[in-house]
Amino acid sequence: MPAHVSGVLHAGPSPVWLPYPADVNALMPSLWGASVAKDDAGVLTVGGCSAPWLAREFGSPLYVLDVADLRARAEGFVSSFGAAFAAVGGRARAFYAGKALLTTAIAGWMAEAGLGIDACSLGELLVARRAGVDPALVGLHGNNKSDAELALALDWGIGRIVIDSLPEIERLEAAAAARGVRAPVMVRTTVGVEAHTHDFIATAHEDQKFGLSLTTGQARAAADAVVAAEHLDLVGLHSHIGSQIFDAEGFEVAARRLVGLRAQLQAAHGIEVPELDLGGGFGIRYTSQDTPAAFAELAEGLAQVLARACREAGTSLPLVSFEPGRALIGPAVFTLYTVGTVKRVETGAGVRTYVSVDGGMSDNIRTALYDADYSCSLASRDSQAEPAVVRVVGKHCESGDIVVRDEYLPADIGPGDLVAVPGTGAYCRPLASNYNLVPRPGIVAVEDGRAHWILLPETHEAMLAADPGFAATAPEPAEPPRRAR
């Protein structure tokens, strides 16, 4: 790309959507976990523990999990959807999407709340098993499942394996036959819905790697092949239209199309596919501009949609499942940072204040990857200074290393202050990296005045131990190197 003289496009006033705060020290409750508050000194607290104490005891950057909030969200989802579908004569169940954030403790809390676990890798399956989750309530996703993943799924006896391609049907049939077992299968169906979300997290349009197309007949062919297979049981049809979705419109289209395919299979094979999975993707509030619907509102709308679609198709109402991840774990976690350098940069459009913290894109890549927006708050003290628009940035050698693009903080923000960023429970620690060889932070769970690690932080020592160097007397290779022709 050609170089050019920099100008005012790179800096400017606060965005029009960012409201001027009446009190720059106050929290917007809808962005934070239920037990997060500020005391009389302006110090942020969670579950009875203060942010400065957490930083002293556990260091920073630090992911902080509000356990009571997570439990309440999980139980609220299960009860809301259960009640809504019971009201139309159906049933609903939920599988926590482990890709959002999964540890053995989180898997255990989800199981206690009545959710299963949706996994998409060997590691996530192993965590669910270690947590003691009932294998009947575990599902396996993935567009390129390994032999090891399929083997564990069959040997452990999980409740559903979501087929994502036609060749996978043959592989799974062979693996099940070798073990003398029957594999419970769902067919992931690309229903042709354009979810109103970022392209990287929209997953039900035709041109992407997931699923089998309903439009081209792949989904029907896959379902027919599963029915014909000797060691496979067709237990459901699956779709997932994307992530961070606020309305039910896309789910309504997906539900009607899955019901239509289910009716076709009933006519062709005389079977009623017992379950439809509409995936997850329910959004959360990252900033004041986000307007997600409440669980009860979504549940009631979706239950009515399914009931109407089944009546029109002349079929019974199936068991309907959902896979919330972000909607449960996202608001329950915030990231705690320590401020280092504060730099005020004069530009042609004014002054841009950069607040540099001790983490960044290695613990939250979403701003750089998805152009995501976040909020933040001064967590260690009260301030009488005027509000000032700042950009919270990380310590990495990358100009795109931005954590919070624009937010009001007290104008006297300075080195040693603590800044908390809410809504970092989903896709932050799972997408974390060691960029610039920075260790990934750990996760502390807080409840009733107690705090403890549920995921230990990495250390430089452990990172160096994984780097053995190159030995001059390396062992002979297992097979001779091939000669170039």
Protein backbone atom coordinates (compact mmCIF):
# COMPACT_ATOMS: atom_id res chain seq x y z
CA MET A 1 0.00 0.00 0.00
CA PRO A 2 1.35 3.49 -0.77
CA ALA A 3 2.44 5.74 2.06
CA HIS A 4 0.65 9.02 2.67
CA VAL A 5 0.80 12.03 4.92
CA SER A 6 -1.20 11.40 8.10
CA GLY A 7 -4.21 13.56 8.75
CA VAL A 8 -7.29 14.11 10.84
CA LEU A 9 -8.90 10.81 9.78
CA HIS A 10 -6.77 9.09 12.43
CA ALA A 11 -8.09 11.12 15.37
CA GLY A 12 -11.15 13.13 16.21
CA PRO A 13 -13.85 13.92 18.77
CA SER A 14 -15.83 11.33 20.69
CA PRO A 15 -18.22 9.23 18.62
CA VAL A 16 -21.78 10.52 18.45
CA TRP A 17 -23.16 7.42 20.17
CA LEU A 18 -21.04 7.84 23.31
CA PRO A 19 -23.16 9.64 25.95
CA TYR A 20 -21.55 12.26 28.18
CA PRO A 21 -21.70 10.85 31.72
CA ALA A 22 -23.54 12.63 34.48
CA ASP A 23 -21.09 10.92 36.88
CA VAL A 24 -17.90 9.53 35.36
CA ASN A 25 -17.39 7.33 38.44
CA ALA A 26 -20.77 5.59 38.20
CA LEU A 27 -21.31 2.15 36.71
CA MET A 28 -23.96 1.25 34.15
CA PRO A 29 -25.37 -1.86 35.89
CA SER A 30 -26.47 -3.61 32.68
CA LEU A 31 -22.83 -3.92 31.56
CA TRP A 32 -21.61 -5.65 34.72
CA GLY A 33 -22.21 -8.75 36.79
CA ALA A 34 -24.97 -8.53 39.39
CA SER A 35 -22.62 -8.34 42.39
CA VAL A 36 -20.37 -5.62 40.90
CA ALA A 37 -20.72 -2.19 42.55
CA LYS A 38 -18.71 0.77 43.77
CA ASP A 39 -18.26 1.62 47.43
CA ASP A 40 -18.32 5.08 49.00
CA ALA A 41 -14.67 5.62 48.04
CA GLY A 42 -15.36 4.85 44.39
CA VAL A 43 -13.61 1.48 44.58
CA LEU A 44 -15.07 -1.25 42.42
CA THR A 45 -16.12 -4.39 44.29
CA VAL A 46 -17.34 -7.78 43.13
CA GLY A 47 -18.76 -10.53 45.30
CA GLY A 48 -17.55 -8.69 48.40
CA CYS A 49 -13.95 -8.32 47.16
CA SER A 50 -12.40 -5.01 46.09
CA ALA A 51 -10.54 -4.51 42.84
CA PRO A 52 -7.34 -3.22 44.56
CA TRP A 53 -7.29 -6.28 46.81
CA LEU A 54 -7.74 -8.60 43.83
CA ALA A 55 -4.90 -6.87 42.00
CA ARG A 56 -2.60 -7.17 45.03
CA GLU A 57 -3.43 -10.82 45.69
CA PHE A 58 -3.61 -12.13 42.14
CA GLY A 59 -1.85 -9.56 39.97
CA SER A 60 -2.96 -7.95 36.74
CA PRO A 61 -4.11 -8.24 34.08
CA LEU A 62 -6.73 -10.52 35.58
CA TYR A 63 -10.03 -12.01 34.46
CA VAL A 64 -12.53 -11.75 37.33
CA LEU A 65 -15.61 -14.00 37.33
CA ASP A 66 -18.74 -13.10 39.31
CA VAL A 67 -19.90 -16.63 40.20
CA ALA A 68 -23.31 -15.63 41.56
CA ASP A 69 -24.05 -13.72 38.37
CA LEU A 70 -23.07 -16.68 36.17
CA ARG A 71 -25.23 -19.08 38.17
CA ALA A 72 -28.21 -16.72 38.01
CA ARG A 73 -27.90 -16.26 34.24
CA ALA A 74 -27.65 -19.99 33.62
CA GLU A 75 -30.62 -20.80 35.85
CA GLY A 76 -32.59 -17.93 34.33
CA PHE A 77 -32.04 -19.20 30.81
CA VAL A 78 -33.09 -22.74 31.71
CA SER A 79 -36.22 -21.61 33.55
CA SER A 80 -37.26 -19.03 30.93
CA PHE A 81 -36.98 -21.37 27.97
CA GLY A 82 -38.41 -24.31 29.88
CA ALA A 83 -41.49 -22.33 30.88
CA ALA A 84 -42.02 -20.79 27.45
CA PHE A 85 -41.92 -24.10 25.60
CA ALA A 86 -44.01 -25.87 28.23
CA ALA A 87 -46.69 -23.22 27.63
CA VAL A 88 -47.00 -24.39 23.99
CA GLY A 89 -46.85 -28.08 24.86
CA GLY A 90 -43.17 -28.59 24.12
CA ARG A 91 -39.82 -28.98 25.82
CA ALA A 92 -36.56 -27.06 25.64
CA ARG A 93 -33.07 -27.70 26.88
CA ALA A 94 -29.78 -25.84 26.78
CA PHE A 95 -26.16 -26.72 26.12
CA TYR A 96 -23.53 -24.26 27.30
CA ALA A 97 -21.27 -23.38 24.33
CA GLY A 98 -17.87 -24.22 25.76
CA LYS A 99 -16.01 -22.29 23.08
CA ALA A 100 -17.04 -19.05 24.83
CA LEU A 101 -15.01 -19.94 27.95
CA LEU A 102 -14.58 -23.39 29.47
CA THR A 103 -12.88 -24.59 32.64
CA THR A 104 -13.74 -27.55 34.84
CA ALA A 105 -15.35 -25.20 37.37
CA ILE A 106 -17.47 -23.46 34.74
CA ALA A 107 -18.54 -26.80 33.24
CA GLY A 108 -19.56 -27.96 36.71
CA TRP A 109 -21.59 -24.82 37.43
CA MET A 110 -23.37 -25.15 34.08
CA ALA A 111 -24.24 -28.77 34.78
CA GLU A 112 -25.57 -27.83 38.23
CA ALA A 113 -27.81 -25.22 36.57
CA GLY A 114 -29.27 -27.86 34.25
CA LEU A 115 -27.28 -27.24 31.07
CA GLY A 116 -25.32 -29.70 28.99
CA ILE A 117 -21.96 -28.86 27.39
CA ASP A 118 -21.43 -28.16 23.70
CA ALA A 119 -17.82 -28.96 22.77
CA CYS A 120 -15.92 -28.52 19.53
CA SER A 121 -12.50 -29.99 20.29
CA LEU A 122 -10.77 -32.81 22.12
CA GLY A 123 -9.69 -30.38 24.82
CA GLU A 124 -13.23 -29.20 25.48
CA LEU A 125 -14.46 -32.81 25.64
CA LEU A 126 -11.73 -33.65 28.15
CA VAL A 127 -12.62 -30.66 30.34
CA ALA A 128 -16.30 -31.64 30.34
CA ARG A 129 -15.40 -35.22 31.27
CA ARG A 130 -13.04 -34.06 34.02
CA ALA A 131 -15.85 -31.88 35.41
CA GLY A 132 -18.08 -34.94 35.72
CA VAL A 133 -20.68 -33.78 33.20
CA ASP A 134 -23.17 -36.48 32.21
CA PRO A 135 -21.95 -37.63 28.75
CA ALA A 136 -25.58 -37.88 27.60
CA LEU A 137 -25.66 -34.07 27.93
CA VAL A 138 -22.49 -33.45 25.91
CA GLY A 139 -22.39 -32.66 22.20
CA LEU A 140 -19.51 -32.51 19.75
CA HIS A 141 -19.32 -29.96 16.94
CA GLY A 142 -16.64 -29.23 14.37
CA ASN A 143 -16.10 -29.03 10.63
CA ASN A 144 -12.91 -31.13 10.76
CA LYS A 145 -13.22 -33.57 13.65
CA SER A 146 -10.13 -35.65 14.34
CA ASP A 147 -10.11 -39.42 14.77
CA ALA A 148 -9.22 -38.85 18.43
CA GLU A 149 -12.24 -36.58 18.95
CA LEU A 150 -14.64 -39.07 17.35
CA ALA A 151 -13.07 -41.91 19.33
CA LEU A 152 -13.51 -40.14 22.68
CA ALA A 153 -17.06 -39.15 21.77
CA LEU A 154 -17.99 -42.76 21.02
CA ASP A 155 -16.05 -44.34 23.89
CA TRP A 156 -17.41 -41.89 26.45
CA GLY A 157 -20.93 -42.22 25.04
CA ILE A 158 -21.85 -38.60 24.47
CA GLY A 159 -25.42 -37.71 23.55
CA ARG A 160 -24.92 -36.09 20.15
CA ILE A 161 -22.33 -35.78 17.42
CA VAL A 162 -23.13 -32.96 14.99
CA ILE A 163 -22.23 -34.06 11.47
CA ASP A 164 -20.76 -31.25 9.35
CA SER A 165 -19.95 -32.96 6.01
CA LEU A 166 -20.87 -36.00 3.95
CA PRO A 167 -17.46 -37.75 4.31
CA GLU A 168 -17.78 -37.45 8.08
CA ILE A 169 -20.81 -39.73 7.98
CA GLU A 170 -18.71 -42.52 6.50
CA ARG A 171 -15.92 -41.96 9.02
CA LEU A 172 -18.29 -42.00 11.96
CA GLU A 173 -20.12 -45.09 10.68
CA ALA A 174 -16.79 -46.95 10.41
CA ALA A 175 -15.68 -45.87 13.88
CA ALA A 176 -19.01 -46.86 15.45
CA ALA A 177 -19.03 -50.20 13.63
CA ALA A 178 -15.51 -50.96 14.89
CA ARG A 179 -16.72 -50.47 18.45
CA GLY A 180 -20.06 -52.18 18.04
CA VAL A 181 -21.98 -49.11 19.17
CA ARG A 182 -24.58 -46.77 17.72
CA ALA A 183 -23.71 -43.10 17.36
CA PRO A 184 -26.36 -40.41 18.02
CA VAL A 185 -26.13 -37.95 15.13
CA MET A 186 -27.43 -34.47 14.38
CA VAL A 187 -27.05 -32.94 10.92
CA ARG A 188 -25.77 -29.37 10.88
CA THR A 189 -27.92 -27.59 8.33
CA THR A 190 -26.96 -24.37 6.58
CA VAL A 191 -30.36 -22.72 6.45
CA GLY A 192 -29.42 -19.69 4.33
CA VAL A 193 -29.97 -16.95 6.92
CA GLU A 194 -27.87 -13.77 6.85
CA ALA A 195 -27.53 -12.89 10.52
CA HIS A 196 -26.99 -9.19 11.21
CA THR A 197 -23.58 -9.57 12.78
CA HIS A 198 -19.88 -9.47 11.86
CA ASP A 199 -18.96 -11.59 8.83
CA PHE A 200 -16.54 -13.66 10.90
CA ILE A 201 -19.31 -14.79 13.29
CA ALA A 202 -22.18 -15.18 10.82
CA THR A 203 -22.44 -18.90 10.18
CA ALA A 204 -25.63 -19.77 8.28
CA HIS A 205 -25.14 -18.15 4.89
CA GLU A 206 -24.09 -20.43 2.04
CA ASP A 207 -20.49 -19.37 1.40
CA GLN A 208 -18.71 -20.48 4.57
CA LYS A 209 -17.11 -23.56 6.02
CA PHE A 210 -19.83 -24.83 8.35
CA GLY A 211 -22.74 -27.14 7.72
CA LEU A 212 -24.61 -28.78 4.85
CA SER A 213 -26.72 -26.64 2.56
CA LEU A 214 -30.47 -26.94 2.71
CA THR A 215 -30.83 -25.10 -0.60
CA THR A 216 -28.61 -27.43 -2.63
CA GLY A 217 -29.96 -30.61 -1.02
CA GLN A 218 -26.81 -31.53 0.91
CA ALA A 219 -28.58 -31.47 4.25
CA ARG A 220 -31.32 -33.79 3.01
CA ALA A 221 -28.74 -36.14 1.47
CA ALA A 222 -26.81 -36.23 4.75
CA ALA A 223 -29.95 -36.98 6.76
CA ASP A 224 -30.91 -39.76 4.31
CA ALA A 225 -27.41 -41.24 4.62
CA VAL A 226 -27.57 -41.20 8.42
CA VAL A 227 -30.95 -42.94 8.39
CA ALA A 228 -29.57 -45.62 6.05
CA ALA A 229 -26.39 -46.20 8.07
CA GLU A 230 -26.27 -49.32 10.20
CA HIS A 231 -24.61 -47.78 13.25
CA LEU A 232 -25.94 -44.21 13.24
CA ASP A 233 -29.13 -42.80 14.76
CA LEU A 234 -30.57 -39.52 13.48
CA VAL A 235 -31.47 -37.74 16.72
CA GLY A 236 -31.80 -34.20 15.44
CA LEU A 237 -31.31 -31.39 12.98
CA HIS A 238 -29.05 -28.48 13.87
CA SER A 239 -28.50 -24.92 12.72
CA HIS A 240 -26.51 -21.94 13.94
CA ILE A 241 -27.04 -18.56 12.31
CA GLY A 242 -24.30 -16.54 13.98
CA SER A 243 -23.34 -14.75 17.16
CA GLN A 244 -24.08 -11.50 19.06
CA ILE A 245 -27.65 -11.43 17.69
CA PHE A 246 -30.27 -9.22 19.35
CA ASP A 247 -33.54 -10.16 17.67
CA ALA A 248 -35.44 -13.36 16.91
CA GLU A 249 -36.09 -12.71 13.22
CA GLY A 250 -33.21 -14.86 11.97
CA PHE A 251 -34.10 -17.66 14.39
CA GLU A 252 -37.66 -17.65 13.07
CA VAL A 253 -36.51 -18.26 9.49
CA ALA A 254 -34.10 -20.99 10.60
CA ALA A 255 -36.77 -22.70 12.71
CA ARG A 256 -39.29 -22.79 9.85
CA ARG A 257 -36.74 -24.25 7.47
CA LEU A 258 -35.64 -26.94 9.93
CA VAL A 259 -39.27 -27.86 10.57
CA GLY A 260 -39.74 -28.15 6.81
CA LEU A 261 -36.79 -30.54 6.47
CA ARG A 262 -38.07 -32.54 9.44
CA ALA A 263 -41.45 -32.91 7.71
CA GLN A 264 -39.74 -34.11 4.51
CA LEU A 265 -37.83 -36.77 6.43
CA GLN A 266 -41.02 -37.92 8.15
CA ALA A 267 -42.73 -38.31 4.78
CA ALA A 268 -39.77 -40.13 3.24
CA HIS A 269 -38.76 -42.42 6.10
CA GLY A 270 -41.75 -42.54 8.44
CA ILE A 271 -39.73 -41.13 11.34
CA GLU A 272 -40.15 -38.04 13.46
CA VAL A 273 -36.74 -36.51 14.09
CA PRO A 274 -36.93 -35.97 17.85
CA GLU A 275 -34.91 -32.76 18.27
CA LEU A 276 -34.23 -29.44 16.57
CA ASP A 277 -31.28 -27.34 17.72
CA LEU A 278 -31.40 -23.63 16.85
CA GLY A 279 -27.88 -22.95 18.09
CA GLY A 280 -26.96 -19.94 20.16
CA GLY A 281 -25.69 -16.49 19.34
CA PHE A 282 -27.81 -14.49 21.80
CA GLY A 283 -26.11 -11.11 22.23
CA ILE A 284 -25.06 -9.15 25.29
CA ARG A 285 -24.57 -5.49 26.13
CA TYR A 286 -20.96 -4.37 25.68
CA THR A 287 -21.76 -0.63 25.56
CA SER A 288 -24.77 1.62 26.07
CA GLN A 289 -25.67 1.15 22.39
CA ASP A 290 -26.31 -2.60 22.58
CA THR A 291 -29.94 -3.65 23.08
CA PRO A 292 -30.20 -7.41 23.64
CA ALA A 293 -33.57 -8.92 24.42
CA ALA A 294 -34.28 -10.51 27.79
CA PHE A 295 -34.24 -14.32 28.00
CA ALA A 296 -37.97 -14.50 28.74
CA GLU A 297 -38.79 -12.34 25.71
CA LEU A 298 -36.64 -14.45 23.38
CA ALA A 299 -37.99 -17.68 24.81
CA GLU A 300 -41.64 -16.72 24.43
CA GLY A 301 -41.13 -15.53 20.85
CA LEU A 302 -39.22 -18.61 19.77
CA ALA A 303 -41.69 -20.99 21.41
CA GLN A 304 -44.55 -19.37 19.52
CA VAL A 305 -42.59 -19.55 16.26
CA LEU A 306 -41.87 -23.27 16.65
CA ALA A 307 -45.42 -24.06 17.64
CA ARG A 308 -46.85 -22.27 14.57
CA ALA A 309 -44.32 -23.82 12.21
CA CYS A 310 -45.10 -27.33 13.42
CA ARG A 311 -48.85 -26.78 13.19
CA GLU A 312 -48.51 -25.52 9.63
CA ALA A 313 -46.28 -28.48 8.70
CA GLY A 314 -48.64 -30.97 10.36
CA THR A 315 -45.95 -32.35 12.64
CA SER A 316 -45.56 -32.69 16.39
CA LEU A 317 -43.50 -30.19 18.36
CA PRO A 318 -39.98 -31.61 18.83
CA LEU A 319 -37.61 -31.16 21.70
CA VAL A 320 -35.92 -27.81 20.97
CA SER A 321 -32.41 -27.07 22.15
CA PHE A 322 -30.26 -23.95 22.32
CA GLU A 323 -26.56 -23.26 22.89
CA PRO A 324 -26.07 -20.04 24.86
CA GLY A 325 -22.45 -19.21 25.62
CA ARG A 326 -21.72 -15.50 25.40
CA ALA A 327 -25.14 -14.61 26.88
CA LEU A 328 -24.27 -16.50 30.07
CA ILE A 329 -20.54 -16.03 30.61
CA GLY A 330 -19.94 -12.69 28.86
CA PRO A 331 -21.39 -10.24 31.41
CA ALA A 332 -20.23 -12.35 34.36
CA VAL A 333 -16.54 -11.52 33.76
CA PHE A 334 -14.55 -8.31 33.68
CA THR A 335 -10.85 -7.80 33.06
CA LEU A 336 -8.82 -5.83 35.57
CA TYR A 337 -5.80 -3.86 34.29
CA THR A 338 -3.17 -1.58 35.80
CA VAL A 339 -2.48 1.70 34.02
CA GLY A 340 1.11 2.39 33.00
CA THR A 341 1.68 5.23 30.56
CA VAL A 342 -0.86 7.97 29.78
CA LYS A 343 -0.08 9.87 26.59
CA ARG A 344 -1.95 12.87 25.21
CA VAL A 345 -1.40 13.28 21.49
CA GLU A 346 -2.12 16.56 19.69
CA THR A 347 -3.87 16.04 16.37
CA GLY A 348 -5.48 18.23 13.79
CA ALA A 349 -8.85 17.40 15.31
CA GLY A 350 -7.93 17.86 18.96
CA VAL A 351 -6.25 15.72 21.60
CA ARG A 352 -6.36 11.94 21.76
CA THR A 353 -5.59 10.53 25.22
CA TYR A 354 -4.05 7.06 25.15
CA VAL A 355 -4.26 5.11 28.40
CA SER A 356 -1.85 2.18 28.21
CA VAL A 357 -2.53 -0.87 30.38
CA ASP A 358 -0.52 -3.97 31.24
CA GLY A 359 -2.47 -6.30 28.92
CA GLY A 360 -4.04 -5.76 25.53
CA MET A 361 -4.66 -7.79 22.41
CA SER A 362 -3.02 -10.86 23.94
CA ASP A 363 -5.89 -11.13 26.44
CA ASN A 364 -8.64 -9.49 24.33
CA ILE A 365 -8.23 -9.72 20.56
CA ARG A 366 -11.87 -8.95 19.81
CA THR A 367 -11.45 -5.21 19.29
CA ALA A 368 -8.78 -5.84 16.66
CA LEU A 369 -10.40 -8.96 15.19
CA TYR A 370 -14.10 -8.02 15.12
CA ASP A 371 -13.94 -4.23 15.54
CA ALA A 372 -15.72 -4.86 18.85
CA ASP A 373 -16.61 -2.05 21.24
CA TYR A 374 -16.10 -2.16 25.00
CA SER A 375 -16.69 0.11 27.96
CA CYS A 376 -14.51 0.58 31.05
CA SER A 377 -14.41 2.24 34.47
CA LEU A 378 -11.83 3.51 36.91
CA ALA A 379 -11.78 0.73 39.52
CA SER A 380 -9.41 1.85 42.28
CA ARG A 381 -10.67 5.23 43.50
CA ASP A 382 -13.17 8.03 43.18
CA SER A 383 -12.24 11.10 41.13
CA GLN A 384 -13.48 14.67 41.08
CA ALA A 385 -11.87 15.36 37.70
CA GLU A 386 -13.92 16.16 34.62
CA PRO A 387 -14.76 13.30 32.22
CA ALA A 388 -12.38 12.92 29.29
CA VAL A 389 -12.65 10.67 26.25
CA VAL A 390 -9.77 8.18 26.28
CA ARG A 391 -8.60 5.24 24.23
CA VAL A 392 -7.47 2.29 26.35
CA VAL A 393 -4.64 0.47 24.59
CA GLY A 394 -2.40 -2.46 25.34
CA LYS A 395 1.35 -2.87 25.67
CA HIS A 396 1.94 -4.82 22.46
CA CYS A 397 4.01 -3.78 19.47
CA GLU A 398 0.96 -3.26 17.26
CA SER A 399 -0.90 -0.04 16.48
CA GLY A 400 -4.18 -2.00 16.41
CA ASP A 401 -3.63 -3.10 20.02
CA ILE A 402 -6.78 -1.40 21.30
CA VAL A 403 -8.89 -2.63 24.22
CA VAL A 404 -11.50 0.16 24.47
CA ARG A 405 -11.77 2.41 21.44
CA ASP A 406 -13.59 5.34 23.09
CA GLU A 407 -14.86 5.84 26.62
CA TYR A 408 -15.11 8.56 29.26
CA LEU A 409 -12.73 8.22 32.22
CA PRO A 410 -11.70 10.88 34.75
CA ALA A 411 -9.25 13.30 33.19
CA ASP A 412 -6.74 12.66 36.02
CA ILE A 413 -6.37 8.95 35.13
CA GLY A 414 -2.70 8.09 35.69
CA PRO A 415 -0.06 5.40 36.30
CA GLY A 416 -0.99 2.89 38.99
CA ASP A 417 -4.74 3.34 38.60
CA LEU A 418 -6.85 0.25 37.99
CA VAL A 419 -9.21 0.07 35.02
CA ALA A 420 -11.91 -2.59 34.71
CA VAL A 421 -13.39 -3.62 31.34
CA PRO A 422 -16.78 -5.41 31.58
CA GLY A 423 -18.21 -8.07 29.31
CA THR A 424 -14.97 -9.98 28.74
CA GLY A 425 -16.19 -13.45 29.69
CA ALA A 426 -16.75 -14.70 26.14
CA TYR A 427 -14.04 -15.27 23.55
CA CYS A 428 -11.33 -13.31 25.38
CA ARG A 429 -9.37 -15.95 27.33
CA PRO A 430 -10.14 -18.67 24.69
CA LEU A 431 -8.74 -16.41 21.93
CA ALA A 432 -5.82 -15.18 24.05
CA SER A 433 -2.27 -15.49 22.73
CA ASN A 434 1.35 -15.08 23.75
CA TYR A 435 1.98 -12.23 21.34
CA ASN A 436 5.28 -10.54 22.22
CA LEU A 437 5.77 -13.55 24.54
CA VAL A 438 3.35 -12.10 27.09
CA PRO A 439 1.85 -14.76 29.40
CA ARG A 440 -1.90 -15.23 29.30
CA PRO A 441 -3.76 -14.09 32.44
CA GLY A 442 -5.57 -16.42 34.78
CA ILE A 443 -9.20 -16.39 35.89
CA VAL A 444 -10.23 -15.70 39.49
CA ALA A 445 -13.74 -16.67 40.62
CA VAL A 446 -15.29 -14.46 43.29
CA GLU A 447 -18.31 -15.25 45.49
CA ASP A 448 -19.38 -14.31 49.01
CA GLY A 449 -16.17 -12.47 49.85
CA ARG A 450 -13.92 -15.31 48.68
CA ALA A 451 -11.71 -15.45 45.61
CA HIS A 452 -9.72 -18.31 44.13
CA TRP A 453 -8.11 -19.34 40.87
CA ILE A 454 -10.16 -21.45 38.48
CA LEU A 455 -7.57 -21.10 35.74
CA LEU A 456 -3.97 -20.39 36.65
CA PRO A 457 -2.07 -17.66 34.85
CA GLU A 458 0.84 -18.56 32.62
CA THR A 459 4.37 -17.69 33.71
CA HIS A 460 7.48 -16.73 31.78
CA GLU A 461 9.21 -19.71 33.37
CA ALA A 462 6.67 -22.14 31.93
CA MET A 463 6.91 -20.49 28.53
CA LEU A 464 10.71 -20.78 28.54
CA ALA A 465 10.48 -24.41 29.67
CA ALA A 466 8.51 -25.16 26.50
CA ASP A 467 11.35 -23.68 24.38
CA PRO A 468 14.20 -26.26 24.43
CA GLY A 469 16.33 -24.59 21.78
CA PHE A 470 18.19 -26.49 19.09
CA ALA A 471 20.61 -29.14 20.27
CA ALA A 472 23.78 -29.65 18.21
CA THR A 473 23.56 -33.39 18.91
CA ALA A 474 19.94 -33.85 17.95
CA PRO A 475 18.71 -37.47 17.75
CA GLU A 476 18.50 -39.20 14.38
CA PRO A 477 15.13 -38.71 12.65
CA ALA A 478 12.66 -41.57 12.79
CA GLU A 479 12.77 -41.82 8.98
CA PRO A 480 15.46 -40.65 6.57
CA PRO A 481 14.85 -37.28 4.92
CA ARG A 482 13.46 -37.41 1.41
CA ARG A 483 15.70 -36.27 -1.38
CA ALA A 484 14.53 -33.60 -3.77
CA ARG A 485 14.13 -34.82 -7.33
